[in-house]
Amino acid sequence: MRRGSDEQPHGAPRPHGLVEAQLPLDHAPYEALVTAALARTNPT
């Protein structure tokens, strides 16, 4: 988890959707991976 305040200098809130590495979570590619993984009934 992120340590410290959720505010940047000058009181500006940090953007939501960021993790420790300060990278935005990219929903679409992972949802596509989830869909592909769950759709495979006989993976080889």
PDB file of all heavy atoms in Angstrom:
ATOM      1  N   MET A   1       0.821  -1.177   0.000  1.00  0.00           N
ATOM      2  CA  MET A   1       0.000   0.000   0.000  1.00  0.00           C
ATOM      3  C   MET A   1       0.866   1.242   0.000  1.00  0.00           C
ATOM      4  O   MET A   1       1.997   1.219   0.436  1.00  0.00           O
ATOM      5  CB  MET A   1      -0.886   0.007   1.236  1.00  0.00           C
ATOM      6  CG  MET A   1      -2.076  -0.867   1.114  1.00  0.00           C
ATOM      7  SD  MET A   1      -3.318  -0.265   2.226  1.00  0.00           S
ATOM      8  CE  MET A   1      -3.565  -1.717   3.172  1.00  0.00           C
ATOM      9  N   ARG A   2       0.278   2.314  -0.448  1.00  0.00           N
ATOM     10  CA  ARG A   2       0.984   3.580  -0.507  1.00  0.00           C
ATOM     11  C   ARG A   2       1.189   4.103   0.908  1.00  0.00           C
ATOM     12  O   ARG A   2       0.307   4.073   1.727  1.00  0.00           O
ATOM     13  CB  ARG A   2       0.153   4.564  -1.313  1.00  0.00           C
ATOM     14  CG  ARG A   2       0.863   5.876  -1.497  1.00  0.00           C
ATOM     15  CD  ARG A   2       0.032   6.821  -2.298  1.00  0.00           C
ATOM     16  NE  ARG A   2      -0.124   6.281  -3.629  1.00  0.00           N
ATOM     17  CZ  ARG A   2      -1.220   6.442  -4.348  1.00  0.00           C
ATOM     18  NH1 ARG A   2      -2.236   7.095  -3.880  1.00  0.00           N
ATOM     19  NH2 ARG A   2      -1.305   5.932  -5.543  1.00  0.00           N
ATOM     20  N   ARG A   3       2.360   4.599   1.167  1.00  0.00           N
ATOM     21  CA  ARG A   3       2.652   5.169   2.478  1.00  0.00           C
ATOM     22  C   ARG A   3       2.523   6.682   2.379  1.00  0.00           C
ATOM     23  O   ARG A   3       2.780   7.278   1.351  1.00  0.00           O
ATOM     24  CB  ARG A   3       4.061   4.790   2.905  1.00  0.00           C
ATOM     25  CG  ARG A   3       4.172   3.335   3.234  1.00  0.00           C
ATOM     26  CD  ARG A   3       5.607   3.008   3.623  1.00  0.00           C
ATOM     27  NE  ARG A   3       5.728   1.658   4.031  1.00  0.00           N
ATOM     28  CZ  ARG A   3       5.920   0.640   3.217  1.00  0.00           C
ATOM     29  NH1 ARG A   3       6.002   0.826   1.939  1.00  0.00           N
ATOM     30  NH2 ARG A   3       6.024  -0.593   3.670  1.00  0.00           N
ATOM     31  N   GLY A   4       2.137   7.269   3.460  1.00  0.00           N
ATOM     32  CA  GLY A   4       2.086   8.719   3.495  1.00  0.00           C
ATOM     33  C   GLY A   4       0.736   9.255   3.089  1.00  0.00           C
ATOM     34  O   GLY A   4      -0.238   8.544   2.987  1.00  0.00           O
ATOM     35  N   SER A   5       0.706  10.516   2.822  1.00  0.00           N
ATOM     36  CA  SER A   5      -0.534  11.222   2.522  1.00  0.00           C
ATOM     37  C   SER A   5      -1.006  10.936   1.114  1.00  0.00           C
ATOM     38  O   SER A   5      -0.231  10.604   0.230  1.00  0.00           O
ATOM     39  CB  SER A   5      -0.297  12.719   2.691  1.00  0.00           C
ATOM     40  OG  SER A   5      -1.393  13.440   2.200  1.00  0.00           O
ATOM     41  N   ASP A   6      -2.310  11.104   0.893  1.00  0.00           N
ATOM     42  CA  ASP A   6      -2.885  10.988  -0.435  1.00  0.00           C
ATOM     43  C   ASP A   6      -2.856  12.326  -1.151  1.00  0.00           C
ATOM     44  O   ASP A   6      -3.486  12.487  -2.178  1.00  0.00           O
ATOM     45  CB  ASP A   6      -4.324  10.480  -0.362  1.00  0.00           C
ATOM     46  CG  ASP A   6      -4.427   9.008  -0.684  1.00  0.00           C
ATOM     47  OD1 ASP A   6      -3.431   8.414  -1.084  1.00  0.00           O
ATOM     48  OD2 ASP A   6      -5.529   8.497  -0.532  1.00  0.00           O
ATOM     49  N   GLU A   7      -2.129  13.279  -0.602  1.00  0.00           N
ATOM     50  CA  GLU A   7      -2.068  14.578  -1.230  1.00  0.00           C
ATOM     51  C   GLU A   7      -0.654  14.853  -1.695  1.00  0.00           C
ATOM     52  O   GLU A   7       0.327  14.425  -1.104  1.00  0.00           O
ATOM     53  CB  GLU A   7      -2.517  15.671  -0.267  1.00  0.00           C
ATOM     54  CG  GLU A   7      -3.979  15.587   0.067  1.00  0.00           C
ATOM     55  CD  GLU A   7      -4.446  16.827   0.792  1.00  0.00           C
ATOM     56  OE1 GLU A   7      -3.618  17.655   1.189  1.00  0.00           O
ATOM     57  OE2 GLU A   7      -5.650  16.939   0.952  1.00  0.00           O
ATOM     58  N   GLN A   8      -0.603  15.555  -2.797  1.00  0.00           N
ATOM     59  CA  GLN A   8       0.670  15.988  -3.338  1.00  0.00           C
ATOM     60  C   GLN A   8       1.005  17.335  -2.707  1.00  0.00           C
ATOM     61  O   GLN A   8       0.189  17.924  -2.009  1.00  0.00           O
ATOM     62  CB  GLN A   8       0.563  16.126  -4.850  1.00  0.00           C
ATOM     63  CG  GLN A   8       0.304  14.817  -5.547  1.00  0.00           C
ATOM     64  CD  GLN A   8       0.159  15.013  -7.041  1.00  0.00           C
ATOM     65  OE1 GLN A   8       0.196  16.118  -7.549  1.00  0.00           O
ATOM     66  NE2 GLN A   8      -0.010  13.928  -7.747  1.00  0.00           N
ATOM     67  N   PRO A   9       2.188  17.858  -2.970  1.00  0.00           N
ATOM     68  CA  PRO A   9       2.513  19.185  -2.473  1.00  0.00           C
ATOM     69  C   PRO A   9       1.440  20.184  -2.907  1.00  0.00           C
ATOM     70  O   PRO A   9       0.807  20.026  -3.938  1.00  0.00           O
ATOM     71  CB  PRO A   9       3.865  19.496  -3.127  1.00  0.00           C
ATOM     72  CG  PRO A   9       4.459  18.164  -3.417  1.00  0.00           C
ATOM     73  CD  PRO A   9       3.295  17.256  -3.687  1.00  0.00           C
ATOM     74  N   HIS A  10       1.219  21.180  -2.140  1.00  0.00           N
ATOM     75  CA  HIS A  10       0.242  22.232  -2.387  1.00  0.00           C
ATOM     76  C   HIS A  10      -1.184  21.741  -2.193  1.00  0.00           C
ATOM     77  O   HIS A  10      -2.119  22.366  -2.660  1.00  0.00           O
ATOM     78  CB  HIS A  10       0.405  22.852  -3.774  1.00  0.00           C
ATOM     79  CG  HIS A  10       1.808  23.257  -4.086  1.00  0.00           C
ATOM     80  ND1 HIS A  10       2.459  24.268  -3.408  1.00  0.00           N
ATOM     81  CD2 HIS A  10       2.712  22.757  -4.966  1.00  0.00           C
ATOM     82  CE1 HIS A  10       3.693  24.387  -3.892  1.00  0.00           C
ATOM     83  NE2 HIS A  10       3.871  23.484  -4.818  1.00  0.00           N
ATOM     84  N   GLY A  11      -1.381  20.593  -1.547  1.00  0.00           N
ATOM     85  CA  GLY A  11      -2.717  20.118  -1.218  1.00  0.00           C
ATOM     86  C   GLY A  11      -3.494  19.506  -2.354  1.00  0.00           C
ATOM     87  O   GLY A  11      -4.655  19.165  -2.199  1.00  0.00           O
ATOM     88  N   ALA A  12      -2.922  19.325  -3.530  1.00  0.00           N
ATOM     89  CA  ALA A  12      -3.652  18.734  -4.650  1.00  0.00           C
ATOM     90  C   ALA A  12      -3.786  17.232  -4.422  1.00  0.00           C
ATOM     91  O   ALA A  12      -2.817  16.556  -4.089  1.00  0.00           O
ATOM     92  CB  ALA A  12      -2.902  18.987  -5.958  1.00  0.00           C
ATOM     93  N   PRO A  13      -5.010  16.685  -4.546  1.00  0.00           N
ATOM     94  CA  PRO A  13      -5.167  15.248  -4.348  1.00  0.00           C
ATOM     95  C   PRO A  13      -4.475  14.462  -5.460  1.00  0.00           C
ATOM     96  O   PRO A  13      -4.370  14.928  -6.586  1.00  0.00           O
ATOM     97  CB  PRO A  13      -6.683  15.039  -4.395  1.00  0.00           C
ATOM     98  CG  PRO A  13      -7.203  16.219  -5.130  1.00  0.00           C
ATOM     99  CD  PRO A  13      -6.248  17.341  -4.897  1.00  0.00           C
ATOM    100  N   ARG A  14      -3.997  13.289  -5.099  1.00  0.00           N
ATOM    101  CA  ARG A  14      -3.402  12.412  -6.098  1.00  0.00           C
ATOM    102  C   ARG A  14      -4.503  11.849  -6.970  1.00  0.00           C
ATOM    103  O   ARG A  14      -5.603  11.599  -6.507  1.00  0.00           O
ATOM    104  CB  ARG A  14      -2.657  11.261  -5.432  1.00  0.00           C
ATOM    105  CG  ARG A  14      -1.428  11.708  -4.722  1.00  0.00           C
ATOM    106  CD  ARG A  14      -0.703  10.528  -4.147  1.00  0.00           C
ATOM    107  NE  ARG A  14       0.356  11.042  -3.300  1.00  0.00           N
ATOM    108  CZ  ARG A  14       1.474  10.406  -3.070  1.00  0.00           C
ATOM    109  NH1 ARG A  14       1.679   9.234  -3.569  1.00  0.00           N
ATOM    110  NH2 ARG A  14       2.391  10.932  -2.314  1.00  0.00           N
ATOM    111  N   PRO A  15      -4.210  11.605  -8.248  1.00  0.00           N
ATOM    112  CA  PRO A  15      -5.221  11.018  -9.124  1.00  0.00           C
ATOM    113  C   PRO A  15      -5.599   9.624  -8.634  1.00  0.00           C
ATOM    114  O   PRO A  15      -4.757   8.884  -8.126  1.00  0.00           O
ATOM    115  CB  PRO A  15      -4.529  10.930 -10.483  1.00  0.00           C
ATOM    116  CG  PRO A  15      -3.327  11.798 -10.380  1.00  0.00           C
ATOM    117  CD  PRO A  15      -2.979  11.916  -8.936  1.00  0.00           C
ATOM    118  N   HIS A  16      -6.867   9.277  -8.752  1.00  0.00           N
ATOM    119  CA  HIS A  16      -7.323   7.944  -8.357  1.00  0.00           C
ATOM    120  C   HIS A  16      -6.920   6.918  -9.414  1.00  0.00           C
ATOM    121  O   HIS A  16      -6.702   7.258 -10.564  1.00  0.00           O
ATOM    122  CB  HIS A  16      -8.837   7.934  -8.166  1.00  0.00           C
ATOM    123  CG  HIS A  16      -9.261   8.749  -6.985  1.00  0.00           C
ATOM    124  ND1 HIS A  16      -9.056   8.339  -5.692  1.00  0.00           N
ATOM    125  CD2 HIS A  16      -9.842   9.957  -6.903  1.00  0.00           C
ATOM    126  CE1 HIS A  16      -9.507   9.252  -4.867  1.00  0.00           C
ATOM    127  NE2 HIS A  16      -9.989  10.253  -5.575  1.00  0.00           N
ATOM    128  N   GLY A  17      -6.865   5.637  -9.007  1.00  0.00           N
ATOM    129  CA  GLY A  17      -6.525   4.565  -9.932  1.00  0.00           C
ATOM    130  C   GLY A  17      -5.038   4.319 -10.035  1.00  0.00           C
ATOM    131  O   GLY A  17      -4.581   3.684 -10.972  1.00  0.00           O
ATOM    132  N   LEU A  18      -4.263   4.836  -9.112  1.00  0.00           N
ATOM    133  CA  LEU A  18      -2.825   4.649  -9.146  1.00  0.00           C
ATOM    134  C   LEU A  18      -2.405   3.691  -8.048  1.00  0.00           C
ATOM    135  O   LEU A  18      -3.030   3.616  -7.008  1.00  0.00           O
ATOM    136  CB  LEU A  18      -2.098   5.972  -8.950  1.00  0.00           C
ATOM    137  CG  LEU A  18      -2.389   7.053  -9.976  1.00  0.00           C
ATOM    138  CD1 LEU A  18      -1.608   8.315  -9.653  1.00  0.00           C
ATOM    139  CD2 LEU A  18      -2.062   6.589 -11.371  1.00  0.00           C
ATOM    140  N   VAL A  19      -1.353   2.950  -8.311  1.00  0.00           N
ATOM    141  CA  VAL A  19      -0.818   2.017  -7.327  1.00  0.00           C
ATOM    142  C   VAL A  19       0.568   2.490  -6.926  1.00  0.00           C
ATOM    143  O   VAL A  19       1.029   3.533  -7.367  1.00  0.00           O
ATOM    144  CB  VAL A  19      -0.777   0.572  -7.882  1.00  0.00           C
ATOM    145  CG1 VAL A  19      -2.186   0.074  -8.096  1.00  0.00           C
ATOM    146  CG2 VAL A  19       0.017   0.475  -9.151  1.00  0.00           C
ATOM    147  N   GLU A  20       1.244   1.688  -6.116  1.00  0.00           N
ATOM    148  CA  GLU A  20       2.539   2.100  -5.588  1.00  0.00           C
ATOM    149  C   GLU A  20       3.492   2.590  -6.670  1.00  0.00           C
ATOM    150  O   GLU A  20       4.234   3.516  -6.463  1.00  0.00           O
ATOM    151  CB  GLU A  20       3.226   0.941  -4.854  1.00  0.00           C
ATOM    152  CG  GLU A  20       2.521   0.434  -3.651  1.00  0.00           C
ATOM    153  CD  GLU A  20       1.640  -0.752  -3.970  1.00  0.00           C
ATOM    154  OE1 GLU A  20       1.541  -1.154  -5.123  1.00  0.00           O
ATOM    155  OE2 GLU A  20       1.038  -1.275  -3.028  1.00  0.00           O
ATOM    156  N   ALA A  21       3.466   1.968  -7.820  1.00  0.00           N
ATOM    157  CA  ALA A  21       4.394   2.337  -8.890  1.00  0.00           C
ATOM    158  C   ALA A  21       3.973   3.619  -9.603  1.00  0.00           C
ATOM    159  O   ALA A  21       4.642   4.057 -10.521  1.00  0.00           O
ATOM    160  CB  ALA A  21       4.509   1.194  -9.897  1.00  0.00           C
ATOM    161  N   GLN A  22       2.837   4.215  -9.181  1.00  0.00           N
ATOM    162  CA  GLN A  22       2.339   5.436  -9.781  1.00  0.00           C
ATOM    163  C   GLN A  22       1.936   5.241 -11.244  1.00  0.00           C
ATOM    164  O   GLN A  22       2.034   6.151 -12.048  1.00  0.00           O
ATOM    165  CB  GLN A  22       3.366   6.567  -9.661  1.00  0.00           C
ATOM    166  CG  GLN A  22       3.723   6.924  -8.236  1.00  0.00           C
ATOM    167  CD  GLN A  22       2.535   7.488  -7.472  1.00  0.00           C
ATOM    168  OE1 GLN A  22       1.797   8.291  -7.994  1.00  0.00           O
ATOM    169  NE2 GLN A  22       2.344   7.047  -6.251  1.00  0.00           N
ATOM    170  N   LEU A  23       1.501   4.056 -11.599  1.00  0.00           N
ATOM    171  CA  LEU A  23       1.021   3.768 -12.950  1.00  0.00           C
ATOM    172  C   LEU A  23      -0.486   3.572 -12.907  1.00  0.00           C
ATOM    173  O   LEU A  23      -0.998   2.929 -12.008  1.00  0.00           O
ATOM    174  CB  LEU A  23       1.681   2.485 -13.484  1.00  0.00           C
ATOM    175  CG  LEU A  23       3.196   2.506 -13.589  1.00  0.00           C
ATOM    176  CD1 LEU A  23       3.719   1.127 -13.965  1.00  0.00           C
ATOM    177  CD2 LEU A  23       3.633   3.534 -14.609  1.00  0.00           C
ATOM    178  N   PRO A  24      -1.206   4.106 -13.893  1.00  0.00           N
ATOM    179  CA  PRO A  24      -2.658   3.896 -13.896  1.00  0.00           C
ATOM    180  C   PRO A  24      -2.985   2.440 -14.224  1.00  0.00           C
ATOM    181  O   PRO A  24      -2.294   1.797 -15.001  1.00  0.00           O
ATOM    182  CB  PRO A  24      -3.152   4.836 -14.993  1.00  0.00           C
ATOM    183  CG  PRO A  24      -1.972   5.107 -15.849  1.00  0.00           C
ATOM    184  CD  PRO A  24      -0.748   4.930 -14.981  1.00  0.00           C
ATOM    185  N   LEU A  25      -4.043   1.947 -13.589  1.00  0.00           N
ATOM    186  CA  LEU A  25      -4.502   0.601 -13.899  1.00  0.00           C
ATOM    187  C   LEU A  25      -5.183   0.640 -15.262  1.00  0.00           C
ATOM    188  O   LEU A  25      -6.019   1.489 -15.514  1.00  0.00           O
ATOM    189  CB  LEU A  25      -5.487   0.124 -12.833  1.00  0.00           C
ATOM    190  CG  LEU A  25      -4.898  -0.043 -11.440  1.00  0.00           C
ATOM    191  CD1 LEU A  25      -5.988  -0.406 -10.444  1.00  0.00           C
ATOM    192  CD2 LEU A  25      -3.817  -1.100 -11.451  1.00  0.00           C
ATOM    193  N   ASP A  26      -4.803  -0.268 -16.142  1.00  0.00           N
ATOM    194  CA  ASP A  26      -5.366  -0.311 -17.486  1.00  0.00           C
ATOM    195  C   ASP A  26      -6.351  -1.466 -17.544  1.00  0.00           C
ATOM    196  O   ASP A  26      -5.964  -2.616 -17.715  1.00  0.00           O
ATOM    197  CB  ASP A  26      -4.245  -0.463 -18.506  1.00  0.00           C
ATOM    198  CG  ASP A  26      -4.698  -0.134 -19.904  1.00  0.00           C
ATOM    199  OD1 ASP A  26      -5.896   0.184 -20.097  1.00  0.00           O
ATOM    200  OD2 ASP A  26      -3.855  -0.190 -20.815  1.00  0.00           O
ATOM    201  N   HIS A  27      -7.601  -1.148 -17.370  1.00  0.00           N
ATOM    202  CA  HIS A  27      -8.677  -2.123 -17.230  1.00  0.00           C
ATOM    203  C   HIS A  27      -8.844  -3.015 -18.468  1.00  0.00           C
ATOM    204  O   HIS A  27      -8.944  -4.238 -18.350  1.00  0.00           O
ATOM    205  CB  HIS A  27      -9.956  -1.345 -16.958  1.00  0.00           C
ATOM    206  CG  HIS A  27     -11.099  -2.163 -16.478  1.00  0.00           C
ATOM    207  ND1 HIS A  27     -11.847  -1.787 -15.399  1.00  0.00           N
ATOM    208  CD2 HIS A  27     -11.649  -3.311 -16.916  1.00  0.00           C
ATOM    209  CE1 HIS A  27     -12.801  -2.666 -15.198  1.00  0.00           C
ATOM    210  NE2 HIS A  27     -12.695  -3.594 -16.105  1.00  0.00           N
ATOM    211  N   ALA A  28      -8.893  -2.441 -19.650  1.00  0.00           N
ATOM    212  CA  ALA A  28      -9.262  -3.156 -20.883  1.00  0.00           C
ATOM    213  C   ALA A  28      -8.392  -4.381 -21.189  1.00  0.00           C
ATOM    214  O   ALA A  28      -8.930  -5.465 -21.442  1.00  0.00           O
ATOM    215  CB  ALA A  28      -9.291  -2.195 -22.059  1.00  0.00           C
ATOM    216  N   PRO A  29      -7.066  -4.277 -21.198  1.00  0.00           N
ATOM    217  CA  PRO A  29      -6.282  -5.466 -21.559  1.00  0.00           C
ATOM    218  C   PRO A  29      -6.453  -6.617 -20.568  1.00  0.00           C
ATOM    219  O   PRO A  29      -6.448  -7.785 -20.957  1.00  0.00           O
ATOM    220  CB  PRO A  29      -4.838  -4.992 -21.561  1.00  0.00           C
ATOM    221  CG  PRO A  29      -4.850  -3.538 -21.402  1.00  0.00           C
ATOM    222  CD  PRO A  29      -6.218  -3.108 -21.018  1.00  0.00           C
ATOM    223  N   TYR A  30      -6.632  -6.286 -19.293  1.00  0.00           N
ATOM    224  CA  TYR A  30      -6.779  -7.346 -18.297  1.00  0.00           C
ATOM    225  C   TYR A  30      -8.157  -7.973 -18.347  1.00  0.00           C
ATOM    226  O   TYR A  30      -8.298  -9.172 -18.126  1.00  0.00           O
ATOM    227  CB  TYR A  30      -6.401  -6.833 -16.908  1.00  0.00           C
ATOM    228  CG  TYR A  30      -4.914  -6.637 -16.832  1.00  0.00           C
ATOM    229  CD1 TYR A  30      -4.343  -5.398 -17.057  1.00  0.00           C
ATOM    230  CD2 TYR A  30      -4.070  -7.714 -16.624  1.00  0.00           C
ATOM    231  CE1 TYR A  30      -2.966  -5.230 -17.039  1.00  0.00           C
ATOM    232  CE2 TYR A  30      -2.697  -7.559 -16.607  1.00  0.00           C
ATOM    233  CZ  TYR A  30      -2.154  -6.318 -16.816  1.00  0.00           C
ATOM    234  OH  TYR A  30      -0.787  -6.169 -16.817  1.00  0.00           O
ATOM    235  N   GLU A  31      -9.168  -7.174 -18.648  1.00  0.00           N
ATOM    236  CA  GLU A  31     -10.497  -7.761 -18.840  1.00  0.00           C
ATOM    237  C   GLU A  31     -10.488  -8.673 -20.060  1.00  0.00           C
ATOM    238  O   GLU A  31     -11.122  -9.727 -20.054  1.00  0.00           O
ATOM    239  CB  GLU A  31     -11.569  -6.679 -18.962  1.00  0.00           C
ATOM    240  CG  GLU A  31     -11.993  -6.108 -17.636  1.00  0.00           C
ATOM    241  CD  GLU A  31     -12.681  -7.114 -16.724  1.00  0.00           C
ATOM    242  OE1 GLU A  31     -13.353  -8.049 -17.199  1.00  0.00           O
ATOM    243  OE2 GLU A  31     -12.534  -6.972 -15.502  1.00  0.00           O
ATOM    244  N   ALA A  32      -9.765  -8.297 -21.106  1.00  0.00           N
ATOM    245  CA  ALA A  32      -9.648  -9.148 -22.295  1.00  0.00           C
ATOM    246  C   ALA A  32      -8.931 -10.452 -21.945  1.00  0.00           C
ATOM    247  O   ALA A  32      -9.338 -11.533 -22.387  1.00  0.00           O
ATOM    248  CB  ALA A  32      -8.918  -8.409 -23.411  1.00  0.00           C
ATOM    249  N   LEU A  33      -7.881 -10.364 -21.145  1.00  0.00           N
ATOM    250  CA  LEU A  33      -7.163 -11.562 -20.710  1.00  0.00           C
ATOM    251  C   LEU A  33      -8.070 -12.457 -19.874  1.00  0.00           C
ATOM    252  O   LEU A  33      -8.099 -13.678 -20.050  1.00  0.00           O
ATOM    253  CB  LEU A  33      -5.914 -11.182 -19.920  1.00  0.00           C
ATOM    254  CG  LEU A  33      -5.104 -12.343 -19.337  1.00  0.00           C
ATOM    255  CD1 LEU A  33      -4.548 -13.227 -20.444  1.00  0.00           C
ATOM    256  CD2 LEU A  33      -3.986 -11.816 -18.458  1.00  0.00           C
ATOM    257  N   VAL A  34      -8.843 -11.852 -18.960  1.00  0.00           N
ATOM    258  CA  VAL A  34      -9.770 -12.609 -18.122  1.00  0.00           C
ATOM    259  C   VAL A  34     -10.792 -13.318 -18.999  1.00  0.00           C
ATOM    260  O   VAL A  34     -11.050 -14.514 -18.836  1.00  0.00           O
ATOM    261  CB  VAL A  34     -10.469 -11.674 -17.103  1.00  0.00           C
ATOM    262  CG1 VAL A  34     -11.679 -12.335 -16.480  1.00  0.00           C
ATOM    263  CG2 VAL A  34      -9.477 -11.240 -16.039  1.00  0.00           C
ATOM    264  N   THR A  35     -11.371 -12.596 -19.941  1.00  0.00           N
ATOM    265  CA  THR A  35     -12.372 -13.178 -20.832  1.00  0.00           C
ATOM    266  C   THR A  35     -11.778 -14.332 -21.630  1.00  0.00           C
ATOM    267  O   THR A  35     -12.390 -15.399 -21.744  1.00  0.00           O
ATOM    268  CB  THR A  35     -12.929 -12.096 -21.786  1.00  0.00           C
ATOM    269  OG1 THR A  35     -13.505 -11.063 -20.991  1.00  0.00           O
ATOM    270  CG2 THR A  35     -13.962 -12.666 -22.732  1.00  0.00           C
ATOM    271  N   ALA A  36     -10.585 -14.136 -22.169  1.00  0.00           N
ATOM    272  CA  ALA A  36      -9.935 -15.194 -22.956  1.00  0.00           C
ATOM    273  C   ALA A  36      -9.619 -16.416 -22.090  1.00  0.00           C
ATOM    274  O   ALA A  36      -9.849 -17.553 -22.504  1.00  0.00           O
ATOM    275  CB  ALA A  36      -8.663 -14.658 -23.603  1.00  0.00           C
ATOM    276  N   ALA A  37      -9.119 -16.182 -20.891  1.00  0.00           N
ATOM    277  CA  ALA A  37      -8.757 -17.303 -20.010  1.00  0.00           C
ATOM    278  C   ALA A  37      -9.984 -18.093 -19.601  1.00  0.00           C
ATOM    279  O   ALA A  37      -9.958 -19.330 -19.556  1.00  0.00           O
ATOM    280  CB  ALA A  37      -8.031 -16.791 -18.769  1.00  0.00           C
ATOM    281  N   LEU A  38     -11.074 -17.404 -19.307  1.00  0.00           N
ATOM    282  CA  LEU A  38     -12.277 -18.090 -18.849  1.00  0.00           C
ATOM    283  C   LEU A  38     -13.057 -18.724 -19.993  1.00  0.00           C
ATOM    284  O   LEU A  38     -13.829 -19.655 -19.769  1.00  0.00           O
ATOM    285  CB  LEU A  38     -13.164 -17.129 -18.063  1.00  0.00           C
ATOM    286  CG  LEU A  38     -12.546 -16.615 -16.763  1.00  0.00           C
ATOM    287  CD1 LEU A  38     -13.460 -15.602 -16.100  1.00  0.00           C
ATOM    288  CD2 LEU A  38     -12.221 -17.758 -15.818  1.00  0.00           C
ATOM    289  N   ALA A  39     -12.852 -18.256 -21.216  1.00  0.00           N
ATOM    290  CA  ALA A  39     -13.575 -18.806 -22.368  1.00  0.00           C
ATOM    291  C   ALA A  39     -12.973 -20.125 -22.848  1.00  0.00           C
ATOM    292  O   ALA A  39     -13.653 -20.905 -23.507  1.00  0.00           O
ATOM    293  CB  ALA A  39     -13.584 -17.797 -23.512  1.00  0.00           C
ATOM    294  N   ARG A  40     -11.751 -20.375 -22.504  1.00  0.00           N
ATOM    295  CA  ARG A  40     -11.078 -21.602 -22.982  1.00  0.00           C
ATOM    296  C   ARG A  40     -11.584 -22.791 -22.190  1.00  0.00           C
ATOM    297  O   ARG A  40     -11.363 -22.903 -21.000  1.00  0.00           O
ATOM    298  CB  ARG A  40      -9.572 -21.468 -22.832  1.00  0.00           C
ATOM    299  CG  ARG A  40      -9.070 -20.289 -23.630  1.00  0.00           C
ATOM    300  CD  ARG A  40      -7.729 -20.403 -24.200  1.00  0.00           C
ATOM    301  NE  ARG A  40      -7.248 -21.693 -24.546  1.00  0.00           N
ATOM    302  CZ  ARG A  40      -6.770 -21.987 -25.746  1.00  0.00           C
ATOM    303  NH1 ARG A  40      -6.777 -21.102 -26.686  1.00  0.00           N
ATOM    304  NH2 ARG A  40      -6.285 -23.180 -25.981  1.00  0.00           N
ATOM    305  N   THR A  41     -12.287 -23.687 -22.882  1.00  0.00           N
ATOM    306  CA  THR A  41     -12.823 -24.862 -22.200  1.00  0.00           C
ATOM    307  C   THR A  41     -11.881 -26.054 -22.298  1.00  0.00           C
ATOM    308  O   THR A  41     -11.919 -26.936 -21.460  1.00  0.00           O
ATOM    309  CB  THR A  41     -14.191 -25.251 -22.798  1.00  0.00           C
ATOM    310  OG1 THR A  41     -14.040 -25.459 -24.197  1.00  0.00           O
ATOM    311  CG2 THR A  41     -15.211 -24.156 -22.531  1.00  0.00           C
ATOM    312  N   ASN A  42     -11.057 -26.100 -23.318  1.00  0.00           N
ATOM    313  CA  ASN A  42     -10.121 -27.207 -23.481  1.00  0.00           C
ATOM    314  C   ASN A  42      -8.759 -26.638 -23.861  1.00  0.00           C
ATOM    315  O   ASN A  42      -8.273 -26.874 -24.963  1.00  0.00           O
ATOM    316  CB  ASN A  42     -10.629 -28.179 -24.550  1.00  0.00           C
ATOM    317  CG  ASN A  42      -9.786 -29.442 -24.589  1.00  0.00           C
ATOM    318  OD1 ASN A  42      -9.002 -29.696 -23.689  1.00  0.00           O
ATOM    319  ND2 ASN A  42      -9.936 -30.215 -25.642  1.00  0.00           N
ATOM    320  N   PRO A  43      -8.125 -25.897 -22.949  1.00  0.00           N
ATOM    321  CA  PRO A  43      -6.847 -25.278 -23.280  1.00  0.00           C
ATOM    322  C   PRO A  43      -5.743 -26.313 -23.472  1.00  0.00           C
ATOM    323  O   PRO A  43      -5.675 -27.296 -22.749  1.00  0.00           O
ATOM    324  CB  PRO A  43      -6.559 -24.374 -22.092  1.00  0.00           C
ATOM    325  CG  PRO A  43      -7.468 -24.798 -21.010  1.00  0.00           C
ATOM    326  CD  PRO A  43      -8.572 -25.604 -21.620  1.00  0.00           C
ATOM    327  N   THR A  44      -4.935 -26.092 -24.469  1.00  0.00           N
ATOM    328  CA  THR A  44      -3.859 -27.035 -24.778  1.00  0.00           C
ATOM    329  C   THR A  44      -2.535 -26.304 -24.953  1.00  0.00           C
ATOM    330  O   THR A  44      -1.830 -26.527 -25.924  1.00  0.00           O
ATOM    331  CB  THR A  44      -4.186 -27.819 -26.067  1.00  0.00           C
ATOM    332  OG1 THR A  44      -4.426 -26.869 -27.115  1.00  0.00           O
ATOM    333  CG2 THR A  44      -5.393 -28.709 -25.891  1.00  0.00           C
TER     334      THR A  44
END
